[in-house]
Amino acid sequence: MKVIGRDKFVGTLSPLNNPADLVKLGEILLVEMPSAAGGVFDCAGISSNPSMFFNPMTGPIFVEGIEVGDTIGLKVHEIRAVGYGKQGDVVHMPRNGRLHFLGNLSVAMEPSIGCMGVSPSEITEEISSHDSGKCGGNIDCRDFAAGATIFFKAKLPGAMFSMGDVHLAMGDGEVEGQGVESAADAVISVWKCHLSPSEYPWLVRGGEIMCIGSDENMATAIHLAYEGLISLLENLFSLSRAESQARIGPAGSVRICQSCCRIKTVRLCLPLDLMGMSEEGFLEKFLEQKR
């Protein structure tokens, strides 16, 4: 298994960043990610290697065989906490699948990747690890977690994807400005999608297909996620707009990813069985499974 260390990180999705490593389609990777403050937190909440900027992302990682316009699918197999977690001044101790804090409190540990994306093609489109857009970025989606396959359209050869800002637990909306930040290691694999139907990030997890929308205005972010999902259903399942709306009306769910940053992010979710397909069947059909 190839290991990409947490010492290879960037603060932007940018065409100026040099690749941290090269990987092959289908290759299993261990991506070590620093905490949002850099390094690994100890039991006092002190970072082993503070970063000069927030939300450092491991990468960028160049995927051999990916060209401009292709869509990559990042399959997240596992996310492992490294060190302690921290939310504000409160330190969280991971133990037996739960986070223990403030003496006698605990919550389930549900790690997710806050920042993930590919490089834009132009320096004028550079995305900082605080923001997000069509290439991804600081999305803070709780479903960017184990079991998810997350899709991005490549703007450069190799896609040049980066990832970081893991939360060991976080409520939808990230209303406190941060989840439980921690260093973490993710086991992932990278695949190519047969179609490239969406400019915005999208994903499948838990039997649902989800489209991300991001904008300074929450209503606009929801509209972008809605139009993105309509486009996905048209391109992936040959559904007309009216047929898609007939499914979204009774079963489409808008979930806020984060509301605390300049760019707000949401996801619009729809059960895959409404398109007559399981998640396993979807991935088998649309991902190139050959290495």
C-alpha atoms as a PDB file:
ATOM      1  CA  MET A   1       0.000   0.000   0.000  1.00  0.00           C
ATOM      2  CA  LYS A   2       1.393   3.385  -0.996  1.00  0.00           C
ATOM      3  CA  VAL A   3       1.660   5.876   1.874  1.00  0.00           C
ATOM      4  CA  ILE A   4       1.432   9.630   1.296  1.00  0.00           C
ATOM      5  CA  GLY A   5       2.678  11.392   4.405  1.00  0.00           C
ATOM      6  CA  ARG A   6       1.034  14.249   6.267  1.00  0.00           C
ATOM      7  CA  ASP A   7       4.215  16.289   5.820  1.00  0.00           C
ATOM      8  CA  LYS A   8       3.251  16.795   2.139  1.00  0.00           C
ATOM      9  CA  PHE A   9       0.477  19.354   2.370  1.00  0.00           C
ATOM     10  CA  VAL A  10      -0.870  22.478   0.690  1.00  0.00           C
ATOM     11  CA  GLY A  11      -3.247  25.286   1.623  1.00  0.00           C
ATOM     12  CA  THR A  12      -4.852  25.710  -1.799  1.00  0.00           C
ATOM     13  CA  LEU A  13      -6.241  23.836  -4.758  1.00  0.00           C
ATOM     14  CA  SER A  14      -3.991  25.426  -7.355  1.00  0.00           C
ATOM     15  CA  PRO A  15      -2.294  24.568 -10.676  1.00  0.00           C
ATOM     16  CA  LEU A  16       0.923  25.988  -9.198  1.00  0.00           C
ATOM     17  CA  ASN A  17       1.227  23.178  -6.624  1.00  0.00           C
ATOM     18  CA  ASN A  18       3.716  20.433  -7.446  1.00  0.00           C
ATOM     19  CA  PRO A  19       2.505  16.817  -7.110  1.00  0.00           C
ATOM     20  CA  ALA A  20       3.231  15.215  -3.750  1.00  0.00           C
ATOM     21  CA  ASP A  21       3.047  11.780  -5.378  1.00  0.00           C
ATOM     22  CA  LEU A  22       1.803   9.841  -8.411  1.00  0.00           C
ATOM     23  CA  VAL A  23      -0.742   7.011  -8.120  1.00  0.00           C
ATOM     24  CA  LYS A  24      -2.403   4.556 -10.479  1.00  0.00           C
ATOM     25  CA  LEU A  25      -6.118   4.013 -11.041  1.00  0.00           C
ATOM     26  CA  GLY A  26      -7.419   1.376  -8.631  1.00  0.00           C
ATOM     27  CA  GLU A  27      -4.363   1.613  -6.375  1.00  0.00           C
ATOM     28  CA  ILE A  28      -4.996   1.422  -2.627  1.00  0.00           C
ATOM     29  CA  LEU A  29      -3.512   4.412  -0.801  1.00  0.00           C
ATOM     30  CA  LEU A  30      -2.960   5.400   2.800  1.00  0.00           C
ATOM     31  CA  VAL A  31      -3.263   9.186   2.939  1.00  0.00           C
ATOM     32  CA  GLU A  32      -1.963  10.653   6.181  1.00  0.00           C
ATOM     33  CA  MET A  33      -3.618  13.999   6.901  1.00  0.00           C
ATOM     34  CA  PRO A  34      -2.611  16.663   9.439  1.00  0.00           C
ATOM     35  CA  SER A  35      -5.166  18.259  11.727  1.00  0.00           C
ATOM     36  CA  ALA A  36      -6.827  21.544  10.745  1.00  0.00           C
ATOM     37  CA  ALA A  37      -4.164  23.276  12.867  1.00  0.00           C
ATOM     38  CA  GLY A  38      -1.351  21.157  11.436  1.00  0.00           C
ATOM     39  CA  GLY A  39       0.401  18.157  12.936  1.00  0.00           C
ATOM     40  CA  VAL A  40      -1.113  15.790  15.515  1.00  0.00           C
ATOM     41  CA  PHE A  41      -2.849  16.872  18.749  1.00  0.00           C
ATOM     42  CA  ASP A  42      -1.556  15.490  22.048  1.00  0.00           C
ATOM     43  CA  CYS A  43      -3.628  14.939  25.207  1.00  0.00           C
ATOM     44  CA  ALA A  44      -3.392  18.652  26.024  1.00  0.00           C
ATOM     45  CA  GLY A  45      -4.604  19.680  22.568  1.00  0.00           C
ATOM     46  CA  ILE A  46      -1.168  20.943  21.492  1.00  0.00           C
ATOM     47  CA  SER A  47      -0.158  20.345  17.872  1.00  0.00           C
ATOM     48  CA  SER A  48       3.075  18.508  17.141  1.00  0.00           C
ATOM     49  CA  ASN A  49       3.680  20.641  14.045  1.00  0.00           C
ATOM     50  CA  PRO A  50       1.504  23.798  13.808  1.00  0.00           C
ATOM     51  CA  SER A  51       0.723  24.951  10.280  1.00  0.00           C
ATOM     52  CA  MET A  52       1.052  28.547   9.083  1.00  0.00           C
ATOM     53  CA  PHE A  53      -2.487  28.242   7.683  1.00  0.00           C
ATOM     54  CA  PHE A  54      -5.681  26.433   8.674  1.00  0.00           C
ATOM     55  CA  ASN A  55      -6.980  23.266   7.022  1.00  0.00           C
ATOM     56  CA  PRO A  56      -3.757  21.953   5.439  1.00  0.00           C
ATOM     57  CA  MET A  57      -4.566  19.279   2.823  1.00  0.00           C
ATOM     58  CA  THR A  58      -2.307  16.344   1.983  1.00  0.00           C
ATOM     59  CA  GLY A  59      -1.430  16.466  -1.710  1.00  0.00           C
ATOM     60  CA  PRO A  60      -1.809  17.230  -4.463  1.00  0.00           C
ATOM     61  CA  ILE A  61      -1.858  13.654  -5.758  1.00  0.00           C
ATOM     62  CA  PHE A  62      -1.462  13.034  -9.501  1.00  0.00           C
ATOM     63  CA  VAL A  63      -3.588  10.180 -10.889  1.00  0.00           C
ATOM     64  CA  GLU A  64      -2.033   8.461 -13.898  1.00  0.00           C
ATOM     65  CA  GLY A  65      -4.508   7.876 -16.724  1.00  0.00           C
ATOM     66  CA  ILE A  66      -6.762  10.844 -15.922  1.00  0.00           C
ATOM     67  CA  GLU A  67      -7.135  13.558 -18.551  1.00  0.00           C
ATOM     68  CA  VAL A  68      -8.897  16.926 -18.547  1.00  0.00           C
ATOM     69  CA  GLY A  69     -12.664  16.388 -18.518  1.00  0.00           C
ATOM     70  CA  ASP A  70     -12.494  12.927 -16.952  1.00  0.00           C
ATOM     71  CA  THR A  71     -14.254  12.294 -13.655  1.00  0.00           C
ATOM     72  CA  ILE A  72     -12.415  10.607 -10.791  1.00  0.00           C
ATOM     73  CA  GLY A  73     -14.164   8.624  -8.079  1.00  0.00           C
ATOM     74  CA  LEU A  74     -12.426   8.606  -4.693  1.00  0.00           C
ATOM     75  CA  LYS A  75     -13.560   5.575  -2.715  1.00  0.00           C
ATOM     76  CA  VAL A  76     -13.110   6.072   1.044  1.00  0.00           C
ATOM     77  CA  HIS A  77     -12.593   2.667   2.644  1.00  0.00           C
ATOM     78  CA  GLU A  78     -11.590   3.720   6.157  1.00  0.00           C
ATOM     79  CA  ILE A  79     -10.659   6.786   8.229  1.00  0.00           C
ATOM     80  CA  ARG A  80      -8.555   6.287  11.368  1.00  0.00           C
ATOM     81  CA  ALA A  81      -8.063   8.915  14.068  1.00  0.00           C
ATOM     82  CA  VAL A  82      -4.445   9.782  14.884  1.00  0.00           C
ATOM     83  CA  GLY A  83      -3.779  11.395  18.250  1.00  0.00           C
ATOM     84  CA  TYR A  84      -6.492  13.352  20.045  1.00  0.00           C
ATOM     85  CA  GLY A  85      -9.338  15.513  18.774  1.00  0.00           C
ATOM     86  CA  LYS A  86     -10.000  19.141  19.577  1.00  0.00           C
ATOM     87  CA  GLN A  87     -13.056  21.408  19.259  1.00  0.00           C
ATOM     88  CA  GLY A  88     -12.320  24.940  20.421  1.00  0.00           C
ATOM     89  CA  ASP A  89     -10.453  24.486  23.724  1.00  0.00           C
ATOM     90  CA  VAL A  90     -12.060  21.122  24.473  1.00  0.00           C
ATOM     91  CA  VAL A  91      -9.907  18.025  23.961  1.00  0.00           C
ATOM     92  CA  HIS A  92     -11.570  14.761  22.863  1.00  0.00           C
ATOM     93  CA  MET A  93     -10.058  11.346  23.509  1.00  0.00           C
ATOM     94  CA  PRO A  94     -10.919   8.646  20.931  1.00  0.00           C
ATOM     95  CA  ARG A  95     -11.604   5.318  22.629  1.00  0.00           C
ATOM     96  CA  ASN A  96     -13.623   2.288  21.563  1.00  0.00           C
ATOM     97  CA  GLY A  97     -15.408   4.129  18.789  1.00  0.00           C
ATOM     98  CA  ARG A  98     -16.437   7.102  20.906  1.00  0.00           C
ATOM     99  CA  LEU A  99     -15.033  10.539  21.746  1.00  0.00           C
ATOM    100  CA  HIS A 100     -14.743  11.255  25.483  1.00  0.00           C
ATOM    101  CA  PHE A 101     -14.662  14.873  26.691  1.00  0.00           C
ATOM    102  CA  LEU A 102     -15.513  17.197  29.582  1.00  0.00           C
ATOM    103  CA  GLY A 103     -15.144  14.443  32.148  1.00  0.00           C
ATOM    104  CA  ASN A 104     -18.153  12.188  31.665  1.00  0.00           C
ATOM    105  CA  LEU A 105     -19.520  13.071  28.210  1.00  0.00           C
ATOM    106  CA  SER A 106     -19.078  11.078  25.024  1.00  0.00           C
ATOM    107  CA  VAL A 107     -20.368  10.989  21.451  1.00  0.00           C
ATOM    108  CA  ALA A 108     -19.993   8.473  18.658  1.00  0.00           C
ATOM    109  CA  MET A 109     -16.837   8.894  16.599  1.00  0.00           C
ATOM    110  CA  GLU A 110     -17.866   9.386  12.944  1.00  0.00           C
ATOM    111  CA  PRO A 111     -14.807  10.651  11.023  1.00  0.00           C
ATOM    112  CA  SER A 112     -15.334  12.678   7.852  1.00  0.00           C
ATOM    113  CA  ILE A 113     -13.019  14.590   5.517  1.00  0.00           C
ATOM    114  CA  GLY A 114     -13.743  18.327   5.582  1.00  0.00           C
ATOM    115  CA  CYS A 115     -11.562  19.440   2.675  1.00  0.00           C
ATOM    116  CA  MET A 116     -11.277  17.537  -0.588  1.00  0.00           C
ATOM    117  CA  GLY A 117     -10.958  18.596  -4.192  1.00  0.00           C
ATOM    118  CA  VAL A 118      -9.023  18.770  -7.445  1.00  0.00           C
ATOM    119  CA  SER A 119      -6.937  21.564  -8.902  1.00  0.00           C
ATOM    120  CA  PRO A 120      -8.570  24.197 -11.111  1.00  0.00           C
ATOM    121  CA  SER A 121      -6.958  24.843 -14.477  1.00  0.00           C
ATOM    122  CA  GLU A 122      -6.171  28.544 -13.972  1.00  0.00           C
ATOM    123  CA  ILE A 123      -4.387  30.358 -11.140  1.00  0.00           C
ATOM    124  CA  THR A 124      -7.241  32.894 -11.180  1.00  0.00           C
ATOM    125  CA  GLU A 125      -9.541  30.039 -10.048  1.00  0.00           C
ATOM    126  CA  GLU A 126      -7.322  28.997  -7.124  1.00  0.00           C
ATOM    127  CA  ILE A 127      -9.365  27.794  -4.114  1.00  0.00           C
ATOM    128  CA  SER A 128      -8.042  28.230  -0.579  1.00  0.00           C
ATOM    129  CA  SER A 129      -8.646  25.576   2.072  1.00  0.00           C
ATOM    130  CA  HIS A 130     -11.208  27.973   3.613  1.00  0.00           C
ATOM    131  CA  ASP A 131     -13.412  28.111   0.498  1.00  0.00           C
ATOM    132  CA  SER A 132     -15.062  25.740  -1.962  1.00  0.00           C
ATOM    133  CA  GLY A 133     -16.447  25.695  -5.488  1.00  0.00           C
ATOM    134  CA  LYS A 134     -16.778  23.475  -8.549  1.00  0.00           C
ATOM    135  CA  CYS A 135     -13.404  21.854  -7.857  1.00  0.00           C
ATOM    136  CA  GLY A 136     -14.278  21.094  -4.233  1.00  0.00           C
ATOM    137  CA  GLY A 137     -12.445  22.537  -1.241  1.00  0.00           C
ATOM    138  CA  ASN A 138     -13.749  23.196   2.276  1.00  0.00           C
ATOM    139  CA  ILE A 139     -17.061  21.362   1.846  1.00  0.00           C
ATOM    140  CA  ASP A 140     -17.351  19.942   5.386  1.00  0.00           C
ATOM    141  CA  CYS A 141     -19.781  17.212   4.336  1.00  0.00           C
ATOM    142  CA  ARG A 142     -20.398  14.530   6.974  1.00  0.00           C
ATOM    143  CA  ASP A 143     -20.903  12.021   4.150  1.00  0.00           C
ATOM    144  CA  PHE A 144     -17.298  12.432   2.946  1.00  0.00           C
ATOM    145  CA  ALA A 145     -16.740   9.421   5.165  1.00  0.00           C
ATOM    146  CA  ALA A 146     -16.040   5.699   5.087  1.00  0.00           C
ATOM    147  CA  GLY A 147     -18.251   4.022   2.511  1.00  0.00           C
ATOM    148  CA  ALA A 148     -18.482   7.064   0.240  1.00  0.00           C
ATOM    149  CA  THR A 149     -17.369   7.352  -3.362  1.00  0.00           C
ATOM    150  CA  ILE A 150     -16.839  11.037  -4.144  1.00  0.00           C
ATOM    151  CA  PHE A 151     -16.644  12.353  -7.700  1.00  0.00           C
ATOM    152  CA  PHE A 152     -14.770  15.355  -9.123  1.00  0.00           C
ATOM    153  CA  LYS A 153     -14.271  16.448 -12.719  1.00  0.00           C
ATOM    154  CA  ALA A 154     -10.580  16.838 -13.584  1.00  0.00           C
ATOM    155  CA  LYS A 155      -9.519  20.285 -14.783  1.00  0.00           C
ATOM    156  CA  LEU A 156      -5.851  19.290 -15.225  1.00  0.00           C
ATOM    157  CA  PRO A 157      -4.144  16.068 -16.354  1.00  0.00           C
ATOM    158  CA  GLY A 158      -3.898  13.788 -13.320  1.00  0.00           C
ATOM    159  CA  ALA A 159      -6.695  15.697 -11.517  1.00  0.00           C
ATOM    160  CA  MET A 160      -4.225  16.719  -8.751  1.00  0.00           C
ATOM    161  CA  PHE A 161      -6.493  15.997  -5.780  1.00  0.00           C
ATOM    162  CA  SER A 162      -5.853  16.980  -2.160  1.00  0.00           C
ATOM    163  CA  MET A 163      -7.623  16.114   1.090  1.00  0.00           C
ATOM    164  CA  GLY A 164      -7.542  17.028   4.782  1.00  0.00           C
ATOM    165  CA  ASP A 165      -9.357  18.788   7.652  1.00  0.00           C
ATOM    166  CA  VAL A 166     -10.756  15.610   9.197  1.00  0.00           C
ATOM    167  CA  HIS A 167     -13.544  15.893  11.786  1.00  0.00           C
ATOM    168  CA  LEU A 168     -13.930  12.969  14.181  1.00  0.00           C
ATOM    169  CA  ALA A 169     -17.490  14.164  14.802  1.00  0.00           C
ATOM    170  CA  MET A 170     -19.478  17.138  13.519  1.00  0.00           C
ATOM    171  CA  GLY A 171     -23.111  18.127  13.454  1.00  0.00           C
ATOM    172  CA  ASP A 172     -24.639  19.012  10.098  1.00  0.00           C
ATOM    173  CA  GLY A 173     -24.150  22.718   9.410  1.00  0.00           C
ATOM    174  CA  GLU A 174     -20.951  23.027  11.501  1.00  0.00           C
ATOM    175  CA  VAL A 175     -22.743  25.774  13.418  1.00  0.00           C
ATOM    176  CA  GLU A 176     -19.954  26.144  16.023  1.00  0.00           C
ATOM    177  CA  GLY A 177     -17.411  26.933  13.305  1.00  0.00           C
ATOM    178  CA  GLN A 178     -15.579  23.630  13.627  1.00  0.00           C
ATOM    179  CA  GLY A 179     -16.126  19.976  14.331  1.00  0.00           C
ATOM    180  CA  VAL A 180     -13.802  17.827  16.412  1.00  0.00           C
ATOM    181  CA  GLU A 181     -10.575  18.466  14.507  1.00  0.00           C
ATOM    182  CA  SER A 182      -7.907  15.772  14.364  1.00  0.00           C
ATOM    183  CA  ALA A 183      -5.107  14.295  12.358  1.00  0.00           C
ATOM    184  CA  ALA A 184      -6.204  11.108  10.607  1.00  0.00           C
ATOM    185  CA  ASP A 185      -5.211   8.426   8.125  1.00  0.00           C
ATOM    186  CA  ALA A 186      -7.557   7.492   5.288  1.00  0.00           C
ATOM    187  CA  VAL A 187      -7.472   4.328   3.204  1.00  0.00           C
ATOM    188  CA  ILE A 188      -8.762   5.232  -0.257  1.00  0.00           C
ATOM    189  CA  SER A 189      -8.665   4.105  -3.865  1.00  0.00           C
ATOM    190  CA  VAL A 190      -9.045   6.196  -7.026  1.00  0.00           C
ATOM    191  CA  TRP A 191     -11.186   5.231  -9.990  1.00  0.00           C
ATOM    192  CA  LYS A 192     -12.371   6.707 -13.260  1.00  0.00           C
ATOM    193  CA  CYS A 193     -16.063   7.262 -13.959  1.00  0.00           C
ATOM    194  CA  HIS A 194     -17.395   6.240 -17.375  1.00  0.00           C
ATOM    195  CA  LEU A 195     -19.301   9.530 -17.672  1.00  0.00           C
ATOM    196  CA  SER A 196     -18.472  13.105 -16.677  1.00  0.00           C
ATOM    197  CA  PRO A 197     -21.921  14.570 -16.103  1.00  0.00           C
ATOM    198  CA  SER A 198     -21.379  17.209 -13.411  1.00  0.00           C
ATOM    199  CA  GLU A 199     -19.158  20.235 -12.922  1.00  0.00           C
ATOM    200  CA  TYR A 200     -19.836  20.162  -9.161  1.00  0.00           C
ATOM    201  CA  PRO A 201     -18.721  17.449  -6.727  1.00  0.00           C
ATOM    202  CA  TRP A 202     -21.162  14.595  -6.120  1.00  0.00           C
ATOM    203  CA  LEU A 203     -21.119  11.316  -4.250  1.00  0.00           C
ATOM    204  CA  VAL A 204     -22.859   8.078  -3.422  1.00  0.00           C
ATOM    205  CA  ARG A 205     -23.096   6.693   0.106  1.00  0.00           C
ATOM    206  CA  GLY A 206     -25.608   4.829   2.195  1.00  0.00           C
ATOM    207  CA  GLY A 207     -27.790   4.017  -0.799  1.00  0.00           C
ATOM    208  CA  GLU A 208     -28.141   7.665  -1.825  1.00  0.00           C
ATOM    209  CA  ILE A 209     -26.815   9.826  -4.634  1.00  0.00           C
ATOM    210  CA  MET A 210     -25.927  13.355  -3.491  1.00  0.00           C
ATOM    211  CA  CYS A 211     -24.935  16.540  -5.289  1.00  0.00           C
ATOM    212  CA  ILE A 212     -23.013  19.371  -3.620  1.00  0.00           C
ATOM    213  CA  GLY A 213     -23.901  23.036  -4.034  1.00  0.00           C
ATOM    214  CA  SER A 214     -21.751  25.909  -2.767  1.00  0.00           C
ATOM    215  CA  ASP A 215     -22.205  29.670  -2.734  1.00  0.00           C
ATOM    216  CA  GLU A 216     -22.035  32.680  -0.412  1.00  0.00           C
ATOM    217  CA  ASN A 217     -25.839  32.623  -0.418  1.00  0.00           C
ATOM    218  CA  MET A 218     -27.429  29.496   1.091  1.00  0.00           C
ATOM    219  CA  ALA A 219     -30.470  29.639  -1.208  1.00  0.00           C
ATOM    220  CA  THR A 220     -28.192  29.787  -4.245  1.00  0.00           C
ATOM    221  CA  ALA A 221     -26.158  26.834  -2.929  1.00  0.00           C
ATOM    222  CA  ILE A 222     -29.382  24.812  -2.636  1.00  0.00           C
ATOM    223  CA  HIS A 223     -30.410  25.809  -6.166  1.00  0.00           C
ATOM    224  CA  LEU A 224     -27.015  24.723  -7.536  1.00  0.00           C
ATOM    225  CA  ALA A 225     -27.282  21.361  -5.756  1.00  0.00           C
ATOM    226  CA  TYR A 226     -30.802  20.927  -7.169  1.00  0.00           C
ATOM    227  CA  GLU A 227     -29.800  21.713 -10.748  1.00  0.00           C
ATOM    228  CA  GLY A 228     -26.709  19.542 -10.338  1.00  0.00           C
ATOM    229  CA  LEU A 229     -28.799  16.573  -9.226  1.00  0.00           C
ATOM    230  CA  ILE A 230     -31.244  17.099 -12.110  1.00  0.00           C
ATOM    231  CA  SER A 231     -28.261  17.003 -14.495  1.00  0.00           C
ATOM    232  CA  LEU A 232     -26.867  13.848 -12.871  1.00  0.00           C
ATOM    233  CA  LEU A 233     -30.196  12.031 -13.146  1.00  0.00           C
ATOM    234  CA  GLU A 234     -30.538  13.047 -16.774  1.00  0.00           C
ATOM    235  CA  ASN A 235     -27.030  11.955 -17.744  1.00  0.00           C
ATOM    236  CA  LEU A 236     -26.657   8.857 -15.573  1.00  0.00           C
ATOM    237  CA  PHE A 237     -30.192   7.460 -15.741  1.00  0.00           C
ATOM    238  CA  SER A 238     -31.678   9.131 -18.863  1.00  0.00           C
ATOM    239  CA  LEU A 239     -34.466  10.714 -16.814  1.00  0.00           C
ATOM    240  CA  SER A 240     -36.289  13.762 -18.102  1.00  0.00           C
ATOM    241  CA  ARG A 241     -36.486  16.849 -15.908  1.00  0.00           C
ATOM    242  CA  ALA A 242     -40.111  16.042 -15.080  1.00  0.00           C
ATOM    243  CA  GLU A 243     -39.215  12.446 -14.168  1.00  0.00           C
ATOM    244  CA  SER A 244     -36.401  13.692 -11.909  1.00  0.00           C
ATOM    245  CA  GLN A 245     -38.657  16.241 -10.218  1.00  0.00           C
ATOM    246  CA  ALA A 246     -41.247  13.521  -9.599  1.00  0.00           C
ATOM    247  CA  ARG A 247     -38.608  11.683  -7.532  1.00  0.00           C
ATOM    248  CA  ILE A 248     -37.025  14.696  -5.810  1.00  0.00           C
ATOM    249  CA  GLY A 249     -40.369  16.104  -4.649  1.00  0.00           C
ATOM    250  CA  PRO A 250     -41.305  13.302  -2.238  1.00  0.00           C
ATOM    251  CA  ALA A 251     -37.844  11.964  -1.404  1.00  0.00           C
ATOM    252  CA  GLY A 252     -35.134  14.592  -2.040  1.00  0.00           C
ATOM    253  CA  SER A 253     -33.495  15.870   1.146  1.00  0.00           C
ATOM    254  CA  VAL A 254     -31.436  19.048   1.488  1.00  0.00           C
ATOM    255  CA  ARG A 255     -28.792  18.722   4.216  1.00  0.00           C
ATOM    256  CA  ILE A 256     -26.547  21.598   5.212  1.00  0.00           C
ATOM    257  CA  CYS A 257     -22.856  20.703   5.157  1.00  0.00           C
ATOM    258  CA  GLN A 258     -21.510  23.914   6.660  1.00  0.00           C
ATOM    259  CA  SER A 259     -22.988  27.328   7.351  1.00  0.00           C
ATOM    260  CA  CYS A 260     -20.114  29.016   9.190  1.00  0.00           C
ATOM    261  CA  CYS A 261     -17.744  29.996   6.365  1.00  0.00           C
ATOM    262  CA  ARG A 262     -17.977  32.625   3.636  1.00  0.00           C
ATOM    263  CA  ILE A 263     -18.956  29.924   1.151  1.00  0.00           C
ATOM    264  CA  LYS A 264     -21.919  27.863   2.375  1.00  0.00           C
ATOM    265  CA  THR A 265     -22.233  24.227   1.271  1.00  0.00           C
ATOM    266  CA  VAL A 266     -25.194  21.860   1.044  1.00  0.00           C
ATOM    267  CA  ARG A 267     -25.976  18.449  -0.404  1.00  0.00           C
ATOM    268  CA  LEU A 268     -29.199  17.318  -2.057  1.00  0.00           C
ATOM    269  CA  CYS A 269     -29.726  13.598  -1.489  1.00  0.00           C
ATOM    270  CA  LEU A 270     -31.955  11.072  -3.254  1.00  0.00           C
ATOM    271  CA  PRO A 271     -32.303   7.282  -2.712  1.00  0.00           C
ATOM    272  CA  LEU A 272     -30.760   5.310  -5.554  1.00  0.00           C
ATOM    273  CA  ASP A 273     -33.540   2.739  -5.432  1.00  0.00           C
ATOM    274  CA  LEU A 274     -35.865   5.347  -6.937  1.00  0.00           C
ATOM    275  CA  MET A 275     -33.781   4.899 -10.101  1.00  0.00           C
ATOM    276  CA  GLY A 276     -34.049   1.124  -9.796  1.00  0.00           C
ATOM    277  CA  MET A 277     -30.432   0.686  -8.748  1.00  0.00           C
ATOM    278  CA  SER A 278     -28.499  -0.301  -5.655  1.00  0.00           C
ATOM    279  CA  GLU A 279     -25.329   1.513  -4.615  1.00  0.00           C
ATOM    280  CA  GLU A 280     -23.265  -1.578  -5.423  1.00  0.00           C
ATOM    281  CA  GLY A 281     -24.909  -1.858  -8.836  1.00  0.00           C
ATOM    282  CA  PHE A 282     -24.339   1.845  -9.504  1.00  0.00           C
ATOM    283  CA  LEU A 283     -20.613   1.661  -8.755  1.00  0.00           C
ATOM    284  CA  GLU A 284     -20.212  -1.515 -10.775  1.00  0.00           C
ATOM    285  CA  LYS A 285     -21.879   0.150 -13.769  1.00  0.00           C
ATOM    286  CA  PHE A 286     -20.240   3.559 -13.713  1.00  0.00           C
ATOM    287  CA  LEU A 287     -16.714   2.970 -12.377  1.00  0.00           C
ATOM    288  CA  GLU A 288     -13.947   1.444 -14.448  1.00  0.00           C
ATOM    289  CA  GLN A 289     -12.973  -1.492 -12.270  1.00  0.00           C
ATOM    290  CA  LYS A 290      -9.837  -2.496 -14.160  1.00  0.00           C
ATOM    291  CA  ARG A 291      -6.525  -1.196 -12.869  1.00  0.00           C
END
